[in-house]
Protein backbone atom coordinates (compact mmCIF):
# COMPACT_ATOMS: atom_id res chain seq x y z
CA MET A 1 2.35 -23.64 -8.13
CA SER A 2 4.21 -22.27 -5.10
CA ILE A 3 2.16 -20.87 -2.23
CA MET A 4 2.59 -17.05 -1.56
CA THR A 5 4.12 -16.28 1.87
CA PRO A 6 4.06 -12.78 3.36
CA ASN A 7 7.89 -12.45 2.69
CA LYS A 8 7.37 -13.43 -1.04
CA PHE A 9 4.39 -11.22 -1.10
CA ALA A 10 6.75 -8.13 0.24
CA ILE A 11 9.52 -8.84 -2.44
CA ILE A 12 6.83 -8.96 -5.32
CA VAL A 13 5.11 -5.79 -3.95
CA GLU A 14 8.60 -3.92 -3.69
CA ASN A 15 9.33 -5.03 -7.00
CA ILE A 16 6.80 -3.31 -8.52
CA VAL A 17 7.16 0.00 -7.26
CA ARG A 18 10.43 0.03 -8.06
CA LYS A 19 9.80 -0.80 -11.77
CA LYS A 20 6.55 0.83 -12.39
CA ARG A 21 7.25 3.87 -9.92
CA CYS A 22 4.58 3.44 -8.16
CA ASN A 23 3.43 3.36 -4.38
CA TYR A 24 2.83 0.43 -2.31
CA ILE A 25 -0.93 0.70 -2.51
CA ASP A 26 -0.96 1.19 -6.56
CA ALA A 27 1.41 -1.88 -6.39
CA ILE A 28 -0.74 -4.52 -4.39
CA VAL A 29 -3.77 -3.55 -6.47
CA LEU A 30 -1.59 -3.72 -9.73
CA TYR A 31 -0.45 -7.40 -8.54
CA CYS A 32 -4.16 -7.95 -7.43
CA THR A 33 -5.51 -6.97 -11.25
CA GLU A 34 -2.84 -8.69 -13.12
CA ASN A 35 -2.94 -12.21 -10.88
CA GLN A 36 -7.28 -11.57 -10.93
CA ILE A 37 -6.79 -11.62 -6.97
CA ASP A 38 -9.75 -10.13 -4.92
CA PRO A 39 -7.61 -7.31 -2.94
CA SER A 40 -9.69 -7.97 0.33
CA THR A 41 -7.76 -11.31 0.44
CA THR A 42 -4.35 -9.78 0.82
CA LYS A 43 -4.75 -9.14 4.21
CA SER A 44 -2.86 -12.75 5.39
CA MET A 45 -0.02 -11.50 2.84
CA ILE A 46 0.95 -8.52 3.81
CA ASN A 47 3.85 -8.52 6.62
CA LYS A 48 5.14 -6.08 9.19
CA GLN A 49 7.47 -3.98 7.31
CA LEU A 50 5.36 -4.07 4.07
CA LYS A 51 2.11 -2.87 6.66
CA GLU A 52 4.22 -0.20 8.03
CA LYS A 53 5.21 1.27 4.59
CA ILE A 54 1.72 1.24 3.51
CA ALA A 55 0.72 3.19 6.58
CA TYR A 56 3.72 5.61 6.18
CA GLU A 57 2.22 6.25 2.46
CA ALA A 58 -0.96 6.61 3.66
CA SER A 59 -0.16 9.11 6.42
CA SER A 60 1.87 11.27 4.03
CA LEU A 61 -0.83 11.22 1.57
CA ASN A 62 -3.41 12.42 4.05
CA MET A 63 -5.28 9.00 3.51
CA LEU A 64 -4.19 8.30 7.21
CA LYS A 65 -4.20 9.84 10.90
CA GLU A 66 -0.80 10.02 12.85
CA ASN A 67 -2.53 7.54 14.95
CA ASP A 68 -5.31 5.81 12.99
CA GLN A 69 -4.90 1.96 11.70
CA PHE A 70 -5.18 1.81 7.85
CA LEU A 71 -8.48 0.35 6.61
CA PHE A 72 -8.60 -1.62 3.63
CA TYR A 73 -11.58 -0.93 1.91
CA SER A 74 -12.23 -3.91 -0.64
CA SER A 75 -15.23 -3.74 -3.60
CA GLN A 76 -16.87 -6.30 -1.82
CA PRO A 77 -19.50 -5.14 -0.12
CA ARG A 78 -18.66 -5.49 4.15
CA SER A 79 -15.28 -6.55 3.23
CA ASN A 80 -13.29 -3.74 5.24
CA TYR A 81 -10.03 -5.07 6.60
CA PHE A 82 -7.42 -3.43 9.00
CA PHE A 83 -4.26 -3.90 8.23
């Protein structure tokens, strides 16, 4: 098993977005579900480019105000993470 780097994770997410025609947030959740990973642990795997795409997507979906940070909510209590 190879180590997951932020760049490898970004490529995987990009491939899911293209193949499944879904948004970046859904692609990350789908990857986590398929690989039995808690989405709150992906913070360290998200590189700058992927973070920018998620923020743009969230902003266009009115999930994020223009100058706000994107807040990643986990299903676990007290596990909120900023990207």
